[in-house]
PDB file of N, CA and C in Angstrom:
ATOM      1  N   MET A   1      17.872  -5.335  -7.334  1.00  0.00           N
ATOM      2  CA  MET A   1      17.486  -4.913  -8.660  1.00  0.00           C
ATOM      3  C   MET A   1      15.995  -4.555  -8.707  1.00  0.00           C
ATOM      4  N   LEU A   2      15.166  -5.409  -8.112  1.00  0.00           N
ATOM      5  CA  LEU A   2      13.725  -5.136  -8.106  1.00  0.00           C
ATOM      6  C   LEU A   2      13.429  -3.881  -7.301  1.00  0.00           C
ATOM      7  N   LEU A   3      14.140  -3.682  -6.191  1.00  0.00           N
ATOM      8  CA  LEU A   3      13.933  -2.484  -5.383  1.00  0.00           C
ATOM      9  C   LEU A   3      14.210  -1.236  -6.214  1.00  0.00           C
ATOM     10  N   THR A   4      15.289  -1.251  -6.990  1.00  0.00           N
ATOM     11  CA  THR A   4      15.618  -0.116  -7.847  1.00  0.00           C
ATOM     12  C   THR A   4      14.514   0.120  -8.867  1.00  0.00           C
ATOM     13  N   ALA A   5      13.996  -0.947  -9.436  1.00  0.00           N
ATOM     14  CA  ALA A   5      12.915  -0.820 -10.411  1.00  0.00           C
ATOM     15  C   ALA A   5      11.657  -0.252  -9.757  1.00  0.00           C
ATOM     16  N   CYS A   6      11.360  -0.703  -8.551  1.00  0.00           N
ATOM     17  CA  CYS A   6      10.180  -0.191  -7.845  1.00  0.00           C
ATOM     18  C   CYS A   6      10.349   1.285  -7.504  1.00  0.00           C
ATOM     19  N   MET A   7      11.565   1.675  -7.139  1.00  0.00           N
ATOM     20  CA  MET A   7      11.807   3.083  -6.838  1.00  0.00           C
ATOM     21  C   MET A   7      11.652   3.931  -8.100  1.00  0.00           C
ATOM     22  N   ALA A   8      12.118   3.427  -9.226  1.00  0.00           N
ATOM     23  CA  ALA A   8      11.954   4.138 -10.492  1.00  0.00           C
ATOM     24  C   ALA A   8      10.479   4.221 -10.859  1.00  0.00           C
ATOM     25  N   ALA A   9       9.764   3.147 -10.635  1.00  0.00           N
ATOM     26  CA  ALA A   9       8.327   3.138 -10.915  1.00  0.00           C
ATOM     27  C   ALA A   9       7.612   4.159 -10.041  1.00  0.00           C
ATOM     28  N   ASP A  10       8.036   4.262  -8.786  1.00  0.00           N
ATOM     29  CA  ASP A  10       7.432   5.228  -7.880  1.00  0.00           C
ATOM     30  C   ASP A  10       7.536   6.632  -8.460  1.00  0.00           C
ATOM     31  N   GLY A  11       8.682   6.970  -8.994  1.00  0.00           N
ATOM     32  CA  GLY A  11       8.854   8.289  -9.612  1.00  0.00           C
ATOM     33  C   GLY A  11       7.950   8.471 -10.817  1.00  0.00           C
ATOM     34  N   ALA A  12       7.833   7.449 -11.634  1.00  0.00           N
ATOM     35  CA  ALA A  12       6.985   7.527 -12.827  1.00  0.00           C
ATOM     36  C   ALA A  12       5.514   7.632 -12.461  1.00  0.00           C
ATOM     37  N   LEU A  13       5.150   7.103 -11.324  1.00  0.00           N
ATOM     38  CA  LEU A  13       3.748   7.113 -10.913  1.00  0.00           C
ATOM     39  C   LEU A  13       3.292   8.473 -10.388  1.00  0.00           C
ATOM     40  N   TRP A  14       4.226   9.403 -10.211  1.00  0.00           N
ATOM     41  CA  TRP A  14       3.869  10.751  -9.760  1.00  0.00           C
ATOM     42  C   TRP A  14       3.336  11.602 -10.908  1.00  0.00           C
ATOM     43  N   ALA A  15       3.327  11.064 -12.107  1.00  0.00           N
ATOM     44  CA  ALA A  15       2.819  11.800 -13.262  1.00  0.00           C
ATOM     45  C   ALA A  15       1.340  12.103 -13.064  1.00  0.00           C
ATOM     46  N   ASP A  16       0.859  13.128 -13.776  1.00  0.00           N
ATOM     47  CA  ASP A  16      -0.556  13.485 -13.681  1.00  0.00           C
ATOM     48  C   ASP A  16      -1.454  12.299 -14.010  1.00  0.00           C
ATOM     49  N   GLU A  17      -1.062  11.521 -14.986  1.00  0.00           N
ATOM     50  CA  GLU A  17      -1.828  10.342 -15.398  1.00  0.00           C
ATOM     51  C   GLU A  17      -0.911   9.129 -15.295  1.00  0.00           C
ATOM     52  N   PRO A  18      -0.854   8.473 -14.138  1.00  0.00           N
ATOM     53  CA  PRO A  18       0.046   7.324 -14.010  1.00  0.00           C
ATOM     54  C   PRO A  18      -0.343   6.213 -14.977  1.00  0.00           C
ATOM     55  N   SER A  19       0.655   5.521 -15.449  1.00  0.00           N
ATOM     56  CA  SER A  19       0.470   4.450 -16.421  1.00  0.00           C
ATOM     57  C   SER A  19      -0.305   3.282 -15.819  1.00  0.00           C
ATOM     58  N   SER A  20      -1.420   2.951 -16.447  1.00  0.00           N
ATOM     59  CA  SER A  20      -2.202   1.805 -15.970  1.00  0.00           C
ATOM     60  C   SER A  20      -1.413   0.510 -16.146  1.00  0.00           C
ATOM     61  N   GLU A  21      -0.562   0.459 -17.167  1.00  0.00           N
ATOM     62  CA  GLU A  21       0.266  -0.729 -17.381  1.00  0.00           C
ATOM     63  C   GLU A  21       1.285  -0.881 -16.262  1.00  0.00           C
ATOM     64  N   LEU A  22       1.864   0.224 -15.814  1.00  0.00           N
ATOM     65  CA  LEU A  22       2.833   0.184 -14.727  1.00  0.00           C
ATOM     66  C   LEU A  22       2.153  -0.227 -13.414  1.00  0.00           C
ATOM     67  N   ILE A  23       0.974   0.321 -13.160  1.00  0.00           N
ATOM     68  CA  ILE A  23       0.224  -0.061 -11.966  1.00  0.00           C
ATOM     69  C   ILE A  23      -0.091  -1.555 -12.007  1.00  0.00           C
ATOM     70  N   ALA A  24      -0.528  -2.045 -13.146  1.00  0.00           N
ATOM     71  CA  ALA A  24      -0.845  -3.477 -13.284  1.00  0.00           C
ATOM     72  C   ALA A  24       0.396  -4.339 -13.093  1.00  0.00           C
ATOM     73  N   ALA A  25       1.540  -3.905 -13.634  1.00  0.00           N
ATOM     74  CA  ALA A  25       2.784  -4.668 -13.488  1.00  0.00           C
ATOM     75  C   ALA A  25       3.200  -4.743 -12.022  1.00  0.00           C
ATOM     76  N   LEU A  26       3.064  -3.632 -11.310  1.00  0.00           N
ATOM     77  CA  LEU A  26       3.375  -3.649  -9.877  1.00  0.00           C
ATOM     78  C   LEU A  26       2.405  -4.566  -9.131  1.00  0.00           C
ATOM     79  N   GLY A  27       1.134  -4.546  -9.532  1.00  0.00           N
ATOM     80  CA  GLY A  27       0.157  -5.449  -8.923  1.00  0.00           C
ATOM     81  C   GLY A  27       0.529  -6.903  -9.120  1.00  0.00           C
ATOM     82  N   GLU A  28       1.043  -7.235 -10.286  1.00  0.00           N
ATOM     83  CA  GLU A  28       1.468  -8.618 -10.528  1.00  0.00           C
ATOM     84  C   GLU A  28       2.577  -9.023  -9.572  1.00  0.00           C
ATOM     85  N   ILE A  29       3.498  -8.103  -9.303  1.00  0.00           N
ATOM     86  CA  ILE A  29       4.582  -8.394  -8.365  1.00  0.00           C
ATOM     87  C   ILE A  29       4.025  -8.563  -6.954  1.00  0.00           C
ATOM     88  N   VAL A  30       3.101  -7.687  -6.566  1.00  0.00           N
ATOM     89  CA  VAL A  30       2.515  -7.748  -5.226  1.00  0.00           C
ATOM     90  C   VAL A  30       1.906  -9.121  -4.964  1.00  0.00           C
ATOM     91  N   PHE A  31       1.270  -9.702  -5.952  1.00  0.00           N
ATOM     92  CA  PHE A  31       0.561 -10.966  -5.746  1.00  0.00           C
ATOM     93  C   PHE A  31       1.334 -12.201  -6.211  1.00  0.00           C
ATOM     94  N   ASP A  32       2.594 -12.017  -6.584  1.00  0.00           N
ATOM     95  CA  ASP A  32       3.436 -13.131  -7.007  1.00  0.00           C
ATOM     96  C   ASP A  32       4.063 -13.775  -5.772  1.00  0.00           C
ATOM     97  N   THR A  33       3.455 -14.854  -5.304  1.00  0.00           N
ATOM     98  CA  THR A  33       3.914 -15.500  -4.071  1.00  0.00           C
ATOM     99  C   THR A  33       5.267 -16.197  -4.236  1.00  0.00           C
ATOM    100  N   ALA A  34       5.775 -16.278  -5.448  1.00  0.00           N
ATOM    101  CA  ALA A  34       7.120 -16.822  -5.651  1.00  0.00           C
ATOM    102  C   ALA A  34       8.186 -15.783  -5.279  1.00  0.00           C
ATOM    103  N   ARG A  35       7.763 -14.528  -5.155  1.00  0.00           N
ATOM    104  CA  ARG A  35       8.698 -13.454  -4.763  1.00  0.00           C
ATOM    105  C   ARG A  35       8.772 -13.375  -3.240  1.00  0.00           C
ATOM    106  N   THR A  36       9.813 -12.723  -2.767  1.00  0.00           N
ATOM    107  CA  THR A  36       9.956 -12.550  -1.325  1.00  0.00           C
ATOM    108  C   THR A  36       8.947 -11.519  -0.827  1.00  0.00           C
ATOM    109  N   THR A  37       8.680 -11.563   0.458  1.00  0.00           N
ATOM    110  CA  THR A  37       7.777 -10.575   1.054  1.00  0.00           C
ATOM    111  C   THR A  37       8.322  -9.170   0.841  1.00  0.00           C
ATOM    112  N   ASP A  38       9.623  -8.987   0.991  1.00  0.00           N
ATOM    113  CA  ASP A  38      10.203  -7.658   0.801  1.00  0.00           C
ATOM    114  C   ASP A  38       9.996  -7.153  -0.626  1.00  0.00           C
ATOM    115  N   GLN A  39      10.146  -8.015  -1.611  1.00  0.00           N
ATOM    116  CA  GLN A  39       9.910  -7.612  -2.999  1.00  0.00           C
ATOM    117  C   GLN A  39       8.455  -7.220  -3.206  1.00  0.00           C
ATOM    118  N   ARG A  40       7.569  -7.997  -2.640  1.00  0.00           N
ATOM    119  CA  ARG A  40       6.141  -7.713  -2.782  1.00  0.00           C
ATOM    120  C   ARG A  40       5.776  -6.399  -2.096  1.00  0.00           C
ATOM    121  N   LYS A  41       6.360  -6.156  -0.906  1.00  0.00           N
ATOM    122  CA  LYS A  41       6.099  -4.898  -0.191  1.00  0.00           C
ATOM    123  C   LYS A  41       6.686  -3.710  -0.953  1.00  0.00           C
ATOM    124  N   ASP A  42       7.863  -3.881  -1.562  1.00  0.00           N
ATOM    125  CA  ASP A  42       8.456  -2.791  -2.344  1.00  0.00           C
ATOM    126  C   ASP A  42       7.536  -2.386  -3.497  1.00  0.00           C
ATOM    127  N   ALA A  43       6.979  -3.375  -4.177  1.00  0.00           N
ATOM    128  CA  ALA A  43       6.063  -3.079  -5.281  1.00  0.00           C
ATOM    129  C   ALA A  43       4.818  -2.363  -4.762  1.00  0.00           C
ATOM    130  N   LEU A  44       4.324  -2.785  -3.627  1.00  0.00           N
ATOM    131  CA  LEU A  44       3.144  -2.161  -3.032  1.00  0.00           C
ATOM    132  C   LEU A  44       3.451  -0.732  -2.586  1.00  0.00           C
ATOM    133  N   ARG A  45       4.608  -0.536  -1.971  1.00  0.00           N
ATOM    134  CA  ARG A  45       4.998   0.812  -1.538  1.00  0.00           C
ATOM    135  C   ARG A  45       5.126   1.769  -2.713  1.00  0.00           C
ATOM    136  N   ALA A  46       5.517   1.254  -3.868  1.00  0.00           N
ATOM    137  CA  ALA A  46       5.628   2.111  -5.051  1.00  0.00           C
ATOM    138  C   ALA A  46       4.269   2.705  -5.424  1.00  0.00           C
ATOM    139  N   LEU A  47       3.205   2.059  -4.991  1.00  0.00           N
ATOM    140  CA  LEU A  47       1.846   2.557  -5.249  1.00  0.00           C
ATOM    141  C   LEU A  47       1.356   3.482  -4.132  1.00  0.00           C
ATOM    142  N   GLY A  48       2.208   3.752  -3.164  1.00  0.00           N
ATOM    143  CA  GLY A  48       1.828   4.451  -1.951  1.00  0.00           C
ATOM    144  C   GLY A  48       1.224   5.826  -2.099  1.00  0.00           C
ATOM    145  N   ASN A  49       1.531   6.533  -3.159  1.00  0.00           N
ATOM    146  CA  ASN A  49       0.977   7.873  -3.342  1.00  0.00           C
ATOM    147  C   ASN A  49       0.151   7.988  -4.610  1.00  0.00           C
ATOM    148  N   VAL A  50      -0.183   6.852  -5.182  1.00  0.00           N
ATOM    149  CA  VAL A  50      -0.962   6.838  -6.416  1.00  0.00           C
ATOM    150  C   VAL A  50      -2.437   6.853  -6.058  1.00  0.00           C
ATOM    151  N   GLU A  51      -3.139   7.854  -6.519  1.00  0.00           N
ATOM    152  CA  GLU A  51      -4.554   7.996  -6.163  1.00  0.00           C
ATOM    153  C   GLU A  51      -5.497   7.255  -7.099  1.00  0.00           C
ATOM    154  N   ALA A  52      -4.965   6.610  -8.117  1.00  0.00           N
ATOM    155  CA  ALA A  52      -5.804   5.876  -9.070  1.00  0.00           C
ATOM    156  C   ALA A  52      -6.553   4.750  -8.364  1.00  0.00           C
ATOM    157  N   SER A  53      -7.793   4.539  -8.774  1.00  0.00           N
ATOM    158  CA  SER A  53      -8.598   3.490  -8.143  1.00  0.00           C
ATOM    159  C   SER A  53      -7.993   2.105  -8.355  1.00  0.00           C
ATOM    160  N   SER A  54      -7.289   1.906  -9.449  1.00  0.00           N
ATOM    161  CA  SER A  54      -6.657   0.601  -9.688  1.00  0.00           C
ATOM    162  C   SER A  54      -5.563   0.324  -8.658  1.00  0.00           C
ATOM    163  N   ALA A  55      -4.863   1.362  -8.211  1.00  0.00           N
ATOM    164  CA  ALA A  55      -3.855   1.195  -7.157  1.00  0.00           C
ATOM    165  C   ALA A  55      -4.546   0.869  -5.834  1.00  0.00           C
ATOM    166  N   ALA A  56      -5.650   1.530  -5.560  1.00  0.00           N
ATOM    167  CA  ALA A  56      -6.410   1.238  -4.336  1.00  0.00           C
ATOM    168  C   ALA A  56      -6.929  -0.191  -4.365  1.00  0.00           C
ATOM    169  N   ASP A  57      -7.398  -0.648  -5.517  1.00  0.00           N
ATOM    170  CA  ASP A  57      -7.900  -2.022  -5.635  1.00  0.00           C
ATOM    171  C   ASP A  57      -6.812  -3.036  -5.290  1.00  0.00           C
ATOM    172  N   ILE A  58      -5.591  -2.764  -5.744  1.00  0.00           N
ATOM    173  CA  ILE A  58      -4.465  -3.652  -5.435  1.00  0.00           C
ATOM    174  C   ILE A  58      -4.210  -3.657  -3.932  1.00  0.00           C
ATOM    175  N   ALA A  59      -4.203  -2.480  -3.325  1.00  0.00           N
ATOM    176  CA  ALA A  59      -3.955  -2.392  -1.881  1.00  0.00           C
ATOM    177  C   ALA A  59      -5.060  -3.078  -1.077  1.00  0.00           C
ATOM    178  N   VAL A  60      -6.305  -2.916  -1.492  1.00  0.00           N
ATOM    179  CA  VAL A  60      -7.417  -3.566  -0.785  1.00  0.00           C
ATOM    180  C   VAL A  60      -7.258  -5.086  -0.860  1.00  0.00           C
ATOM    181  N   ARG A  61      -6.939  -5.570  -2.029  1.00  0.00           N
ATOM    182  CA  ARG A  61      -6.746  -7.017  -2.180  1.00  0.00           C
ATOM    183  C   ARG A  61      -5.560  -7.495  -1.341  1.00  0.00           C
ATOM    184  N   ALA A  62      -4.480  -6.726  -1.334  1.00  0.00           N
ATOM    185  CA  ALA A  62      -3.295  -7.096  -0.550  1.00  0.00           C
ATOM    186  C   ALA A  62      -3.581  -7.039   0.948  1.00  0.00           C
ATOM    187  N   ALA A  63      -4.511  -6.191   1.348  1.00  0.00           N
ATOM    188  CA  ALA A  63      -4.881  -6.089   2.766  1.00  0.00           C
ATOM    189  C   ALA A  63      -5.578  -7.351   3.262  1.00  0.00           C
ATOM    190  N   GLN A  64      -5.953  -8.231   2.348  1.00  0.00           N
ATOM    191  CA  GLN A  64      -6.587  -9.502   2.704  1.00  0.00           C
ATOM    192  C   GLN A  64      -5.616 -10.680   2.555  1.00  0.00           C
ATOM    193  N   ASP A  65      -4.368 -10.397   2.204  1.00  0.00           N
ATOM    194  CA  ASP A  65      -3.376 -11.441   1.946  1.00  0.00           C
ATOM    195  C   ASP A  65      -3.046 -12.222   3.221  1.00  0.00           C
ATOM    196  N   GLU A  66      -2.544 -13.422   3.049  1.00  0.00           N
ATOM    197  CA  GLU A  66      -2.142 -14.254   4.189  1.00  0.00           C
ATOM    198  C   GLU A  66      -0.915 -13.688   4.895  1.00  0.00           C
ATOM    199  N   ASP A  67      -0.077 -12.967   4.172  1.00  0.00           N
ATOM    200  CA  ASP A  67       1.172 -12.437   4.716  1.00  0.00           C
ATOM    201  C   ASP A  67       0.893 -11.177   5.543  1.00  0.00           C
ATOM    202  N   ALA A  68       1.152 -11.245   6.835  1.00  0.00           N
ATOM    203  CA  ALA A  68       0.853 -10.128   7.743  1.00  0.00           C
ATOM    204  C   ALA A  68       1.622  -8.864   7.385  1.00  0.00           C
ATOM    205  N   GLU A  69       2.864  -9.007   6.958  1.00  0.00           N
ATOM    206  CA  GLU A  69       3.655  -7.831   6.588  1.00  0.00           C
ATOM    207  C   GLU A  69       3.078  -7.149   5.348  1.00  0.00           C
ATOM    208  N   LEU A  70       2.631  -7.952   4.395  1.00  0.00           N
ATOM    209  CA  LEU A  70       2.027  -7.389   3.190  1.00  0.00           C
ATOM    210  C   LEU A  70       0.708  -6.703   3.539  1.00  0.00           C
ATOM    211  N   ARG A  71      -0.084  -7.330   4.404  1.00  0.00           N
ATOM    212  CA  ARG A  71      -1.352  -6.706   4.838  1.00  0.00           C
ATOM    213  C   ARG A  71      -1.092  -5.348   5.469  1.00  0.00           C
ATOM    214  N   SER A  72      -0.120  -5.283   6.355  1.00  0.00           N
ATOM    215  CA  SER A  72       0.198  -4.043   7.042  1.00  0.00           C
ATOM    216  C   SER A  72       0.640  -2.964   6.053  1.00  0.00           C
ATOM    217  N   THR A  73       1.477  -3.333   5.117  1.00  0.00           N
ATOM    218  CA  THR A  73       1.937  -2.382   4.103  1.00  0.00           C
ATOM    219  C   THR A  73       0.766  -1.912   3.251  1.00  0.00           C
ATOM    220  N   ALA A  74      -0.119  -2.820   2.914  1.00  0.00           N
ATOM    221  CA  ALA A  74      -1.290  -2.460   2.107  1.00  0.00           C
ATOM    222  C   ALA A  74      -2.169  -1.450   2.834  1.00  0.00           C
ATOM    223  N   VAL A  75      -2.387  -1.660   4.119  1.00  0.00           N
ATOM    224  CA  VAL A  75      -3.218  -0.730   4.889  1.00  0.00           C
ATOM    225  C   VAL A  75      -2.523   0.623   5.001  1.00  0.00           C
ATOM    226  N   ALA A  76      -1.199   0.628   5.115  1.00  0.00           N
ATOM    227  CA  ALA A  76      -0.460   1.888   5.146  1.00  0.00           C
ATOM    228  C   ALA A  76      -0.630   2.643   3.828  1.00  0.00           C
ATOM    229  N   VAL A  77      -0.626   1.923   2.718  1.00  0.00           N
ATOM    230  CA  VAL A  77      -0.863   2.551   1.408  1.00  0.00           C
ATOM    231  C   VAL A  77      -2.274   3.143   1.366  1.00  0.00           C
ATOM    232  N   LEU A  78      -3.244   2.390   1.839  1.00  0.00           N
ATOM    233  CA  LEU A  78      -4.623   2.892   1.857  1.00  0.00           C
ATOM    234  C   LEU A  78      -4.750   4.113   2.763  1.00  0.00           C
ATOM    235  N   ALA A  79      -4.072   4.092   3.893  1.00  0.00           N
ATOM    236  CA  ALA A  79      -4.132   5.220   4.825  1.00  0.00           C
ATOM    237  C   ALA A  79      -3.505   6.471   4.219  1.00  0.00           C
ATOM    238  N   THR A  80      -2.498   6.289   3.396  1.00  0.00           N
ATOM    239  CA  THR A  80      -1.789   7.415   2.802  1.00  0.00           C
ATOM    240  C   THR A  80      -2.544   8.021   1.625  1.00  0.00           C
ATOM    241  N   ALA A  81      -3.005   7.188   0.716  1.00  0.00           N
ATOM    242  CA  ALA A  81      -3.556   7.721  -0.538  1.00  0.00           C
ATOM    243  C   ALA A  81      -5.055   7.506  -0.724  1.00  0.00           C
ATOM    244  N   HIS A  82      -5.678   6.703   0.129  1.00  0.00           N
ATOM    245  CA  HIS A  82      -7.072   6.340  -0.121  1.00  0.00           C
ATOM    246  C   HIS A  82      -7.914   6.312   1.157  1.00  0.00           C
ATOM    247  N   LEU A  83      -7.513   7.078   2.149  1.00  0.00           N
ATOM    248  CA  LEU A  83      -8.218   7.035   3.426  1.00  0.00           C
ATOM    249  C   LEU A  83      -9.674   7.469   3.288  1.00  0.00           C
ATOM    250  N   SER A  84      -9.932   8.440   2.445  1.00  0.00           N
ATOM    251  CA  SER A  84     -11.311   8.929   2.319  1.00  0.00           C
ATOM    252  C   SER A  84     -12.261   7.860   1.777  1.00  0.00           C
ATOM    253  N   THR A  85     -11.743   6.930   1.007  1.00  0.00           N
ATOM    254  CA  THR A  85     -12.602   5.900   0.425  1.00  0.00           C
ATOM    255  C   THR A  85     -12.489   4.541   1.119  1.00  0.00           C
ATOM    256  N   HIS A  86     -11.460   4.367   1.947  1.00  0.00           N
ATOM    257  CA  HIS A  86     -11.246   3.061   2.590  1.00  0.00           C
ATOM    258  C   HIS A  86     -11.021   3.194   4.093  1.00  0.00           C
ATOM    259  N   ARG A  87     -11.585   4.242   4.673  1.00  0.00           N
ATOM    260  CA  ARG A  87     -11.418   4.498   6.107  1.00  0.00           C
ATOM    261  C   ARG A  87     -11.841   3.312   6.984  1.00  0.00           C
ATOM    262  N   PRO A  88     -12.998   2.671   6.741  1.00  0.00           N
ATOM    263  CA  PRO A  88     -13.393   1.564   7.625  1.00  0.00           C
ATOM    264  C   PRO A  88     -12.361   0.435   7.667  1.00  0.00           C
ATOM    265  N   LEU A  89     -11.797   0.087   6.532  1.00  0.00           N
ATOM    266  CA  LEU A  89     -10.786  -0.971   6.482  1.00  0.00           C
ATOM    267  C   LEU A  89      -9.545  -0.546   7.268  1.00  0.00           C
ATOM    268  N   VAL A  90      -9.113   0.694   7.089  1.00  0.00           N
ATOM    269  CA  VAL A  90      -7.932   1.202   7.789  1.00  0.00           C
ATOM    270  C   VAL A  90      -8.192   1.235   9.297  1.00  0.00           C
ATOM    271  N   GLU A  91      -9.346   1.736   9.701  1.00  0.00           N
ATOM    272  CA  GLU A  91      -9.664   1.818  11.124  1.00  0.00           C
ATOM    273  C   GLU A  91      -9.766   0.434  11.758  1.00  0.00           C
ATOM    274  N   GLU A  92     -10.357  -0.509  11.047  1.00  0.00           N
ATOM    275  CA  GLU A  92     -10.481  -1.877  11.573  1.00  0.00           C
ATOM    276  C   GLU A  92      -9.103  -2.490  11.778  1.00  0.00           C
ATOM    277  N   PHE A  93      -8.235  -2.322  10.792  1.00  0.00           N
ATOM    278  CA  PHE A  93      -6.880  -2.858  10.918  1.00  0.00           C
ATOM    279  C   PHE A  93      -6.159  -2.185  12.079  1.00  0.00           C
ATOM    280  N   PHE A  94      -6.259  -0.858  12.160  1.00  0.00           N
ATOM    281  CA  PHE A  94      -5.545  -0.106  13.188  1.00  0.00           C
ATOM    282  C   PHE A  94      -6.010  -0.489  14.590  1.00  0.00           C
ATOM    283  N   ALA A  95      -7.277  -0.751  14.742  1.00  0.00           N
ATOM    284  CA  ALA A  95      -7.812  -1.116  16.061  1.00  0.00           C
ATOM    285  C   ALA A  95      -7.167  -2.390  16.606  1.00  0.00           C
ATOM    286  N   ALA A  96      -6.776  -3.282  15.718  1.00  0.00           N
ATOM    287  CA  ALA A  96      -6.164  -4.544  16.135  1.00  0.00           C
ATOM    288  C   ALA A  96      -4.643  -4.558  15.934  1.00  0.00           C
ATOM    289  N   CYS A  97      -4.101  -3.470  15.446  1.00  0.00           N
ATOM    290  CA  CYS A  97      -2.687  -3.409  15.077  1.00  0.00           C
ATOM    291  C   CYS A  97      -1.799  -3.277  16.320  1.00  0.00           C
ATOM    292  N   PRO A  98      -0.835  -4.168  16.478  1.00  0.00           N
ATOM    293  CA  PRO A  98       0.081  -4.022  17.611  1.00  0.00           C
ATOM    294  C   PRO A  98       1.003  -2.817  17.404  1.00  0.00           C
ATOM    295  N   ARG A  99       1.366  -2.183  18.485  1.00  0.00           N
ATOM    296  CA  ARG A  99       2.240  -1.004  18.396  1.00  0.00           C
ATOM    297  C   ARG A  99       3.609  -1.348  17.820  1.00  0.00           C
ATOM    298  N   THR A 100       3.951  -2.607  17.812  1.00  0.00           N
ATOM    299  CA  THR A 100       5.238  -3.035  17.268  1.00  0.00           C
ATOM    300  C   THR A 100       5.218  -3.179  15.747  1.00  0.00           C
ATOM    301  N   ASP A 101       4.051  -3.082  15.147  1.00  0.00           N
ATOM    302  CA  ASP A 101       3.933  -3.181  13.688  1.00  0.00           C
ATOM    303  C   ASP A 101       4.719  -2.028  13.060  1.00  0.00           C
ATOM    304  N   PRO A 102       5.546  -2.314  12.054  1.00  0.00           N
ATOM    305  CA  PRO A 102       6.359  -1.248  11.451  1.00  0.00           C
ATOM    306  C   PRO A 102       5.550  -0.120  10.804  1.00  0.00           C
ATOM    307  N   ASN A 103       4.288  -0.358  10.504  1.00  0.00           N
ATOM    308  CA  ASN A 103       3.450   0.674   9.887  1.00  0.00           C
ATOM    309  C   ASN A 103       2.513   1.353  10.881  1.00  0.00           C
ATOM    310  N   TYR A 104       2.578   0.949  12.134  1.00  0.00           N
ATOM    311  CA  TYR A 104       1.663   1.471  13.156  1.00  0.00           C
ATOM    312  C   TYR A 104       1.673   3.003  13.208  1.00  0.00           C
ATOM    313  N   LEU A 105       2.847   3.584  13.325  1.00  0.00           N
ATOM    314  CA  LEU A 105       2.931   5.042  13.472  1.00  0.00           C
ATOM    315  C   LEU A 105       2.423   5.769  12.234  1.00  0.00           C
ATOM    316  N   ASN A 106       2.762   5.255  11.063  1.00  0.00           N
ATOM    317  CA  ASN A 106       2.294   5.878   9.823  1.00  0.00           C
ATOM    318  C   ASN A 106       0.772   5.853   9.745  1.00  0.00           C
ATOM    319  N   ILE A 107       0.188   4.702  10.028  1.00  0.00           N
ATOM    320  CA  ILE A 107      -1.271   4.577   9.964  1.00  0.00           C
ATOM    321  C   ILE A 107      -1.917   5.483  11.010  1.00  0.00           C
ATOM    322  N   ARG A 108      -1.379   5.457  12.226  1.00  0.00           N
ATOM    323  CA  ARG A 108      -1.911   6.314  13.292  1.00  0.00           C
ATOM    324  C   ARG A 108      -1.848   7.792  12.884  1.00  0.00           C
ATOM    325  N   ASP A 109      -0.703   8.207  12.331  1.00  0.00           N
ATOM    326  CA  ASP A 109      -0.541   9.610  11.934  1.00  0.00           C
ATOM    327  C   ASP A 109      -1.532  10.003  10.840  1.00  0.00           C
ATOM    328  N   GLN A 110      -1.765   9.118   9.886  1.00  0.00           N
ATOM    329  CA  GLN A 110      -2.715   9.404   8.810  1.00  0.00           C
ATOM    330  C   GLN A 110      -4.125   9.556   9.382  1.00  0.00           C
ATOM    331  N   LEU A 111      -4.485   8.686  10.306  1.00  0.00           N
ATOM    332  CA  LEU A 111      -5.801   8.774  10.929  1.00  0.00           C
ATOM    333  C   LEU A 111      -5.916  10.041  11.769  1.00  0.00           C
ATOM    334  N   GLU A 112      -4.883  10.377  12.510  1.00  0.00           N
ATOM    335  CA  GLU A 112      -4.903  11.593  13.314  1.00  0.00           C
ATOM    336  C   GLU A 112      -5.013  12.835  12.434  1.00  0.00           C
ATOM    337  N   ASP A 113      -4.249  12.841  11.333  1.00  0.00           N
ATOM    338  CA  ASP A 113      -4.315  13.991  10.414  1.00  0.00           C
ATOM    339  C   ASP A 113      -5.719  14.160   9.832  1.00  0.00           C
ATOM    340  N   ALA A 114      -6.419  13.033   9.678  1.00  0.00           N
ATOM    341  CA  ALA A 114      -7.782  13.073   9.159  1.00  0.00           C
ATOM    342  C   ALA A 114      -8.807  13.295  10.280  1.00  0.00           C
ATOM    343  N   GLY A 115      -8.309  13.357  11.526  1.00  0.00           N
ATOM    344  CA  GLY A 115      -9.191  13.624  12.656  1.00  0.00           C
ATOM    345  C   GLY A 115      -9.809  12.402  13.276  1.00  0.00           C
ATOM    346  N   ASN A 116      -9.198  11.222  13.120  1.00  0.00           N
ATOM    347  CA  ASN A 116      -9.772   9.996  13.676  1.00  0.00           C
ATOM    348  C   ASN A 116      -8.711   9.043  14.177  1.00  0.00           C
ATOM    349  N   ALA A 117      -8.318   9.148  15.397  1.00  0.00           N
ATOM    350  CA  ALA A 117      -7.425   8.119  15.964  1.00  0.00           C
ATOM    351  C   ALA A 117      -7.644   8.046  17.452  1.00  0.00           C
TER     352      ALA A 117
END
């Protein structure tokens, strides 16, 4: 059910002016440790193409989380939508990222497309 809601939110976030309330609600899910890692990652992925600084702030904070899967997803979000403003964080993560990480290829491709990998 939450996955469906996150997918619907993802569509709504493609609007010219994404809802700050929707971004904040997804952020609450991302940081709700009572939720499963998959639920938290789904909420974070819904922010994956949102260029709003509030979405980047959520991803930056999630990139510092204790959960390695959430950190990886957060860096993938930053690499996709916020690389120009958060390149050092993405590069630092990528330098230590094992090739087995599920986001490794995505992050590598984003860096290569930007001319840095």
